[in-house]
Structure formats: structure tokens, C-alpha cells
Amino acid sequence: MFRIRHAAELLGVSDDTMRRWADSGRLTVHKDASNLRVVDGAELAQLALELAKTSPIEQRPAIAQSARNSFRGLVTRVVRDTVMAQVELQAGPFRVVSLMSREAADDLGLEPGVLAVASVKSTDVVVQIPPA
């Protein structure tokens, strides 16, 4: 479960937008033990996928930016076999896919709706500044 503010940060929207979505029925909210509004992680992951499909990256302009090597987001899919696991993470408009041992995925408790951080190591990094 994620509080409204944390859920909004993960989706890249305002707290008010999350509340409007809850009030309109687009998002189901629950009350936690402190009587605060919270959103189920699995439902949040589904909404993150929906938003990524309808929000092309061009709609998220940047003045100047260099991508960092960590992507914080929600696990949206985990496919396990006897040895390996494929884990998909939706970090804003970015989909990150990782292949790891099944044991690692199990130890981390990776399931749709779980908050996770993907760290990427690469020898090639491209830095771009989009047109104004």
C-alpha cells in the first residue's frame, strides 16, 4: 500500500491529480490504520502501465538532462521459471526489464506492485538535449 503522496511521486503527477482520480473512480483508495488514504501497489502498477502507453516521452520535456543510472518504479510483471526470472519495472514513462536468478527475485519478494529500484551499468552513455 502506498500513501497518496508517494503514489503521486511514483506516477509523476500531483497529489491533487491522485485525489481527483480517486474521487472519479479511476483509482481505488483504502484507509490505512492511521485513517489515511492509500493505494494498492498492484493497482498502482496497472495505472503506471496505462499512463506509459498514453503519455509519450515527448510530452515530458526537459531543459537539459543526463539520465541517471537508477530508475525507481513499480514492478509490473514477473515471469519465473525453474532457474531464472524476468522482472519488468515501470519507472515513469520508462520500462526496464531485468533478467535475474529466480532465487534473487524470490528473496527480494518481487511481485507486481512492489516498489523497486533498477540500477543500470553501461560503458556507453548518450546525453541529449531535446529541441526547444
N, C-alpha and C. Protein backbone atom coordinates (compact mmCIF):
# COMPACT_ATOMS: atom_id res chain seq x y z
N MET A 1 0.84 -1.19 0.00
CA MET A 1 0.00 0.00 0.00
C MET A 1 0.88 1.24 0.00
N PHE A 2 0.49 2.24 -0.78
CA PHE A 2 1.23 3.48 -0.89
C PHE A 2 0.31 4.64 -0.54
N ARG A 3 0.80 5.58 0.26
CA ARG A 3 0.04 6.78 0.55
C ARG A 3 -0.09 7.60 -0.73
N ILE A 4 -1.12 8.44 -0.78
CA ILE A 4 -1.42 9.22 -1.97
C ILE A 4 -0.19 10.00 -2.44
N ARG A 5 0.50 10.64 -1.55
CA ARG A 5 1.66 11.45 -1.93
C ARG A 5 2.75 10.60 -2.59
N HIS A 6 3.04 9.45 -1.99
CA HIS A 6 4.08 8.57 -2.53
C HIS A 6 3.64 8.01 -3.89
N ALA A 7 2.37 7.63 -4.00
CA ALA A 7 1.84 7.11 -5.27
C ALA A 7 1.95 8.18 -6.36
N ALA A 8 1.64 9.42 -6.02
CA ALA A 8 1.72 10.52 -6.98
C ALA A 8 3.16 10.70 -7.46
N GLU A 9 4.13 10.64 -6.55
CA GLU A 9 5.54 10.76 -6.92
C GLU A 9 5.94 9.66 -7.90
N LEU A 10 5.49 8.44 -7.64
CA LEU A 10 5.85 7.31 -8.50
C LEU A 10 5.28 7.45 -9.90
N LEU A 11 4.12 8.07 -10.01
CA LEU A 11 3.49 8.24 -11.32
C LEU A 11 3.86 9.56 -11.98
N GLY A 12 4.53 10.44 -11.25
CA GLY A 12 4.92 11.72 -11.82
C GLY A 12 3.76 12.68 -11.96
N VAL A 13 2.78 12.59 -11.05
CA VAL A 13 1.64 13.50 -11.06
C VAL A 13 1.52 14.16 -9.69
N SER A 14 0.63 15.12 -9.57
CA SER A 14 0.46 15.82 -8.30
C SER A 14 -0.44 15.02 -7.36
N ASP A 15 -0.35 15.35 -6.08
CA ASP A 15 -1.23 14.75 -5.09
C ASP A 15 -2.69 15.01 -5.47
N ASP A 16 -2.97 16.24 -5.92
CA ASP A 16 -4.34 16.61 -6.31
C ASP A 16 -4.86 15.75 -7.45
N THR A 17 -3.99 15.44 -8.40
CA THR A 17 -4.40 14.57 -9.51
C THR A 17 -4.78 13.20 -8.98
N MET A 18 -3.99 12.66 -8.07
CA MET A 18 -4.30 11.34 -7.49
C MET A 18 -5.65 11.39 -6.77
N ARG A 19 -5.89 12.47 -6.03
CA ARG A 19 -7.17 12.59 -5.31
C ARG A 19 -8.34 12.69 -6.29
N ARG A 20 -8.16 13.44 -7.37
CA ARG A 20 -9.23 13.54 -8.38
C ARG A 20 -9.50 12.18 -9.01
N TRP A 21 -8.42 11.43 -9.32
CA TRP A 21 -8.61 10.10 -9.89
C TRP A 21 -9.33 9.19 -8.90
N ALA A 22 -9.03 9.32 -7.64
CA ALA A 22 -9.71 8.52 -6.61
C ALA A 22 -11.18 8.92 -6.52
N ASP A 23 -11.44 10.22 -6.50
CA ASP A 23 -12.82 10.71 -6.39
C ASP A 23 -13.66 10.33 -7.61
N SER A 24 -13.01 10.26 -8.79
CA SER A 24 -13.75 9.92 -10.02
C SER A 24 -13.89 8.41 -10.21
N GLY A 25 -13.21 7.62 -9.39
CA GLY A 25 -13.29 6.17 -9.50
C GLY A 25 -12.23 5.56 -10.40
N ARG A 26 -11.34 6.37 -10.94
CA ARG A 26 -10.27 5.83 -11.79
C ARG A 26 -9.29 5.00 -10.97
N LEU A 27 -9.22 5.28 -9.69
CA LEU A 27 -8.29 4.64 -8.78
C LEU A 27 -9.02 4.31 -7.49
N THR A 28 -8.84 3.10 -7.00
CA THR A 28 -9.47 2.69 -5.75
C THR A 28 -8.55 3.04 -4.59
N VAL A 29 -9.08 3.72 -3.59
CA VAL A 29 -8.28 4.04 -2.41
C VAL A 29 -8.88 3.34 -1.19
N HIS A 30 -8.02 3.08 -0.25
CA HIS A 30 -8.40 2.43 1.01
C HIS A 30 -7.92 3.32 2.14
N LYS A 31 -8.31 3.01 3.36
CA LYS A 31 -7.83 3.72 4.55
C LYS A 31 -6.87 2.79 5.28
N ASP A 32 -5.73 3.37 5.72
CA ASP A 32 -4.79 2.58 6.49
C ASP A 32 -5.12 2.68 7.98
N ALA A 33 -4.28 2.12 8.82
CA ALA A 33 -4.53 2.11 10.26
C ALA A 33 -4.60 3.52 10.84
N SER A 34 -3.94 4.48 10.19
CA SER A 34 -3.97 5.88 10.65
C SER A 34 -5.11 6.66 10.02
N ASN A 35 -5.98 5.97 9.29
CA ASN A 35 -7.12 6.57 8.59
C ASN A 35 -6.69 7.49 7.45
N LEU A 36 -5.49 7.23 6.87
CA LEU A 36 -5.01 7.97 5.71
C LEU A 36 -5.33 7.19 4.45
N ARG A 37 -5.53 7.90 3.35
CA ARG A 37 -5.85 7.27 2.08
C ARG A 37 -4.61 6.60 1.49
N VAL A 38 -4.76 5.34 1.07
CA VAL A 38 -3.66 4.58 0.48
C VAL A 38 -4.16 3.86 -0.77
N VAL A 39 -3.20 3.53 -1.64
CA VAL A 39 -3.50 2.85 -2.90
C VAL A 39 -2.74 1.53 -2.93
N ASP A 40 -3.39 0.48 -3.39
CA ASP A 40 -2.77 -0.83 -3.52
C ASP A 40 -1.69 -0.79 -4.59
N GLY A 41 -0.52 -1.36 -4.30
CA GLY A 41 0.60 -1.33 -5.22
C GLY A 41 0.32 -1.99 -6.56
N ALA A 42 -0.40 -3.12 -6.56
CA ALA A 42 -0.70 -3.80 -7.83
C ALA A 42 -1.59 -2.93 -8.72
N GLU A 43 -2.58 -2.25 -8.12
CA GLU A 43 -3.43 -1.35 -8.91
C GLU A 43 -2.62 -0.16 -9.41
N LEU A 44 -1.71 0.33 -8.59
CA LEU A 44 -0.86 1.44 -8.99
C LEU A 44 0.03 1.03 -10.17
N ALA A 45 0.54 -0.19 -10.14
CA ALA A 45 1.37 -0.69 -11.23
C ALA A 45 0.57 -0.74 -12.54
N GLN A 46 -0.69 -1.18 -12.46
CA GLN A 46 -1.54 -1.21 -13.66
C GLN A 46 -1.76 0.20 -14.21
N LEU A 47 -1.99 1.16 -13.32
CA LEU A 47 -2.18 2.54 -13.75
C LEU A 47 -0.90 3.09 -14.36
N ALA A 48 0.26 2.73 -13.80
CA ALA A 48 1.54 3.18 -14.35
C ALA A 48 1.72 2.68 -15.78
N LEU A 49 1.33 1.43 -16.04
CA LEU A 49 1.40 0.88 -17.40
C LEU A 49 0.46 1.62 -18.34
N GLU A 50 -0.75 1.89 -17.88
CA GLU A 50 -1.74 2.62 -18.68
C GLU A 50 -1.23 4.02 -19.03
N LEU A 51 -0.69 4.71 -18.05
CA LEU A 51 -0.19 6.06 -18.28
C LEU A 51 1.00 6.06 -19.23
N ALA A 52 1.86 5.05 -19.12
CA ALA A 52 3.04 4.98 -20.00
C ALA A 52 2.62 4.79 -21.45
N LYS A 53 1.53 4.06 -21.69
CA LYS A 53 1.05 3.82 -23.06
C LYS A 53 0.44 5.08 -23.66
N THR A 54 -0.16 5.91 -22.83
CA THR A 54 -0.87 7.08 -23.35
C THR A 54 -0.08 8.38 -23.23
N SER A 55 1.11 8.33 -22.62
CA SER A 55 1.91 9.55 -22.42
C SER A 55 3.27 9.38 -23.06
N PRO A 56 3.39 9.75 -24.35
CA PRO A 56 4.70 9.64 -24.98
C PRO A 56 5.73 10.51 -24.27
N ILE A 57 6.97 10.09 -24.33
CA ILE A 57 8.03 10.80 -23.62
C ILE A 57 8.16 12.24 -24.11
N GLU A 58 7.79 12.51 -25.36
CA GLU A 58 7.89 13.87 -25.88
C GLU A 58 7.04 14.85 -25.08
N GLN A 59 6.03 14.37 -24.37
CA GLN A 59 5.18 15.24 -23.58
C GLN A 59 5.82 15.59 -22.24
N ARG A 60 6.96 15.06 -21.95
CA ARG A 60 7.67 15.32 -20.70
C ARG A 60 8.98 16.03 -21.04
N PRO A 61 8.90 17.29 -21.41
CA PRO A 61 10.10 17.99 -21.88
C PRO A 61 11.11 18.22 -20.76
N ALA A 62 12.36 18.31 -21.16
CA ALA A 62 13.44 18.63 -20.23
C ALA A 62 14.26 19.77 -20.83
N ILE A 63 14.71 20.66 -20.00
CA ILE A 63 15.56 21.74 -20.47
C ILE A 63 16.94 21.18 -20.77
N ALA A 64 17.50 20.45 -19.84
CA ALA A 64 18.77 19.76 -20.02
C ALA A 64 18.79 18.62 -19.02
N GLN A 65 19.28 17.47 -19.46
CA GLN A 65 19.20 16.32 -18.57
C GLN A 65 20.20 15.27 -18.99
N SER A 66 20.72 14.55 -18.02
CA SER A 66 21.52 13.37 -18.26
C SER A 66 20.90 12.26 -17.42
N ALA A 67 20.52 11.18 -18.08
CA ALA A 67 19.85 10.10 -17.37
C ALA A 67 20.74 9.55 -16.27
N ARG A 68 20.18 9.29 -15.12
CA ARG A 68 20.91 8.69 -14.01
C ARG A 68 20.89 7.17 -14.19
N ASN A 69 21.70 6.51 -13.41
CA ASN A 69 21.77 5.06 -13.57
C ASN A 69 20.82 4.30 -12.66
N SER A 70 19.93 4.99 -11.98
CA SER A 70 18.95 4.33 -11.13
C SER A 70 17.55 4.75 -11.54
N PHE A 71 16.67 3.78 -11.67
CA PHE A 71 15.30 4.03 -12.05
C PHE A 71 14.38 3.48 -10.97
N ARG A 72 13.69 4.37 -10.28
CA ARG A 72 12.78 3.97 -9.20
C ARG A 72 11.39 3.82 -9.79
N GLY A 73 10.75 2.70 -9.53
CA GLY A 73 9.42 2.49 -10.08
C GLY A 73 8.73 1.30 -9.46
N LEU A 74 7.70 0.87 -10.14
CA LEU A 74 6.89 -0.25 -9.66
C LEU A 74 7.09 -1.48 -10.53
N VAL A 75 7.21 -2.61 -9.88
CA VAL A 75 7.26 -3.88 -10.61
C VAL A 75 5.89 -4.09 -11.24
N THR A 76 5.87 -4.36 -12.54
CA THR A 76 4.60 -4.56 -13.24
C THR A 76 4.39 -6.00 -13.68
N ARG A 77 5.51 -6.78 -13.77
CA ARG A 77 5.37 -8.16 -14.22
C ARG A 77 6.58 -8.95 -13.77
N VAL A 78 6.36 -10.19 -13.36
CA VAL A 78 7.45 -11.10 -13.01
C VAL A 78 7.12 -12.46 -13.62
N VAL A 79 8.03 -12.96 -14.46
CA VAL A 79 7.87 -14.28 -15.07
C VAL A 79 9.00 -15.15 -14.55
N ARG A 80 8.63 -16.23 -13.86
CA ARG A 80 9.63 -17.12 -13.26
C ARG A 80 9.60 -18.47 -13.95
N ASP A 81 10.78 -19.08 -14.11
CA ASP A 81 10.84 -20.49 -14.46
C ASP A 81 11.63 -21.18 -13.35
N THR A 82 12.17 -22.32 -13.60
CA THR A 82 12.83 -23.04 -12.51
C THR A 82 14.16 -22.41 -12.09
N VAL A 83 14.82 -21.68 -13.00
CA VAL A 83 16.13 -21.11 -12.70
C VAL A 83 16.16 -19.58 -12.76
N MET A 84 15.48 -18.99 -13.73
CA MET A 84 15.57 -17.55 -13.99
C MET A 84 14.23 -16.86 -13.79
N ALA A 85 14.32 -15.52 -13.69
CA ALA A 85 13.12 -14.69 -13.61
C ALA A 85 13.32 -13.45 -14.48
N GLN A 86 12.26 -13.05 -15.15
CA GLN A 86 12.26 -11.80 -15.92
C GLN A 86 11.38 -10.83 -15.15
N VAL A 87 11.96 -9.69 -14.77
CA VAL A 87 11.25 -8.71 -13.96
C VAL A 87 11.11 -7.43 -14.77
N GLU A 88 9.87 -6.92 -14.87
CA GLU A 88 9.61 -5.67 -15.56
C GLU A 88 9.26 -4.60 -14.55
N LEU A 89 9.85 -3.43 -14.72
CA LEU A 89 9.67 -2.30 -13.82
C LEU A 89 9.22 -1.11 -14.66
N GLN A 90 8.18 -0.42 -14.23
CA GLN A 90 7.72 0.80 -14.89
C GLN A 90 8.17 1.97 -14.04
N ALA A 91 9.10 2.76 -14.56
CA ALA A 91 9.65 3.92 -13.87
C ALA A 91 9.24 5.15 -14.66
N GLY A 92 8.08 5.73 -14.31
CA GLY A 92 7.55 6.83 -15.11
C GLY A 92 7.27 6.31 -16.51
N PRO A 93 7.74 7.00 -17.56
CA PRO A 93 7.48 6.52 -18.91
C PRO A 93 8.46 5.43 -19.36
N PHE A 94 9.39 5.04 -18.49
CA PHE A 94 10.43 4.09 -18.86
C PHE A 94 10.12 2.69 -18.36
N ARG A 95 10.25 1.72 -19.26
CA ARG A 95 10.08 0.31 -18.93
C ARG A 95 11.47 -0.30 -18.86
N VAL A 96 11.80 -0.88 -17.71
CA VAL A 96 13.11 -1.51 -17.51
C VAL A 96 12.87 -3.00 -17.29
N VAL A 97 13.62 -3.83 -18.03
CA VAL A 97 13.47 -5.27 -17.91
C VAL A 97 14.79 -5.85 -17.40
N SER A 98 14.71 -6.70 -16.39
CA SER A 98 15.90 -7.32 -15.82
C SER A 98 15.74 -8.83 -15.81
N LEU A 99 16.82 -9.52 -16.16
CA LEU A 99 16.86 -10.97 -16.04
C LEU A 99 17.74 -11.29 -14.84
N MET A 100 17.24 -12.11 -13.95
CA MET A 100 17.97 -12.46 -12.73
C MET A 100 17.62 -13.88 -12.35
N SER A 101 18.33 -14.41 -11.38
CA SER A 101 18.01 -15.75 -10.91
C SER A 101 16.63 -15.73 -10.24
N ARG A 102 15.95 -16.83 -10.31
CA ARG A 102 14.66 -16.95 -9.63
C ARG A 102 14.85 -16.76 -8.14
N GLU A 103 15.96 -17.28 -7.62
CA GLU A 103 16.24 -17.16 -6.19
C GLU A 103 16.32 -15.69 -5.78
N ALA A 104 16.99 -14.86 -6.61
CA ALA A 104 17.11 -13.44 -6.30
C ALA A 104 15.73 -12.77 -6.31
N ALA A 105 14.93 -13.07 -7.31
CA ALA A 105 13.58 -12.49 -7.39
C ALA A 105 12.74 -12.91 -6.20
N ASP A 106 12.85 -14.17 -5.80
CA ASP A 106 12.10 -14.67 -4.64
C ASP A 106 12.59 -14.00 -3.35
N ASP A 107 13.91 -13.91 -3.20
CA ASP A 107 14.48 -13.29 -1.99
C ASP A 107 14.05 -11.83 -1.86
N LEU A 108 13.96 -11.12 -2.99
CA LEU A 108 13.56 -9.72 -2.97
C LEU A 108 12.04 -9.55 -2.85
N GLY A 109 11.30 -10.64 -3.00
CA GLY A 109 9.84 -10.56 -2.91
C GLY A 109 9.24 -9.78 -4.08
N LEU A 110 9.84 -9.91 -5.25
CA LEU A 110 9.38 -9.15 -6.41
C LEU A 110 8.07 -9.69 -6.96
N GLU A 111 7.05 -8.85 -6.94
CA GLU A 111 5.72 -9.14 -7.45
C GLU A 111 5.16 -7.83 -8.00
N PRO A 112 4.16 -7.88 -8.88
CA PRO A 112 3.55 -6.64 -9.36
C PRO A 112 3.08 -5.77 -8.19
N GLY A 113 3.42 -4.48 -8.28
CA GLY A 113 3.02 -3.54 -7.25
C GLY A 113 4.09 -3.24 -6.22
N VAL A 114 5.21 -3.97 -6.26
CA VAL A 114 6.29 -3.75 -5.31
C VAL A 114 7.16 -2.60 -5.81
N LEU A 115 7.52 -1.70 -4.91
CA LEU A 115 8.43 -0.60 -5.23
C LEU A 115 9.84 -1.15 -5.32
N ALA A 116 10.55 -0.79 -6.40
CA ALA A 116 11.91 -1.29 -6.60
C ALA A 116 12.74 -0.22 -7.31
N VAL A 117 14.05 -0.41 -7.28
CA VAL A 117 14.97 0.48 -7.98
C VAL A 117 15.83 -0.38 -8.89
N ALA A 118 15.86 -0.02 -10.18
CA ALA A 118 16.73 -0.71 -11.14
C ALA A 118 17.98 0.13 -11.31
N SER A 119 19.13 -0.47 -11.10
CA SER A 119 20.40 0.21 -11.31
C SER A 119 21.02 -0.33 -12.59
N VAL A 120 21.42 0.59 -13.47
CA VAL A 120 21.93 0.20 -14.78
C VAL A 120 23.40 0.58 -14.88
N LYS A 121 24.24 -0.36 -15.31
CA LYS A 121 25.65 -0.08 -15.52
C LYS A 121 25.94 -0.30 -17.00
N SER A 122 26.53 0.70 -17.62
CA SER A 122 26.80 0.62 -19.04
C SER A 122 28.09 1.35 -19.37
N THR A 123 28.79 0.88 -20.38
CA THR A 123 30.01 1.57 -20.80
C THR A 123 29.71 2.67 -21.79
N ASP A 124 28.51 2.68 -22.39
CA ASP A 124 28.11 3.72 -23.33
C ASP A 124 26.97 4.52 -22.75
N VAL A 125 27.14 5.83 -22.68
CA VAL A 125 26.09 6.70 -22.19
C VAL A 125 25.88 7.81 -23.22
N VAL A 126 24.65 7.99 -23.64
CA VAL A 126 24.32 9.05 -24.59
C VAL A 126 23.60 10.15 -23.84
N VAL A 127 24.07 11.39 -24.00
CA VAL A 127 23.45 12.54 -23.37
C VAL A 127 22.86 13.40 -24.48
N GLN A 128 21.58 13.76 -24.35
CA GLN A 128 20.92 14.55 -25.38
C GLN A 128 20.19 15.72 -24.76
N ILE A 129 20.06 16.80 -25.52
CA ILE A 129 19.23 17.91 -25.14
C ILE A 129 18.18 18.04 -26.23
N PRO A 130 16.90 17.87 -25.87
CA PRO A 130 15.85 17.91 -26.89
C PRO A 130 15.68 19.34 -27.45
N PRO A 131 15.10 19.44 -28.64
CA PRO A 131 14.87 20.77 -29.21
C PRO A 131 13.92 21.59 -28.35
N ALA A 132 14.11 22.91 -28.39
CA ALA A 132 13.29 23.81 -27.57
C ALA A 132 11.87 23.89 -28.08
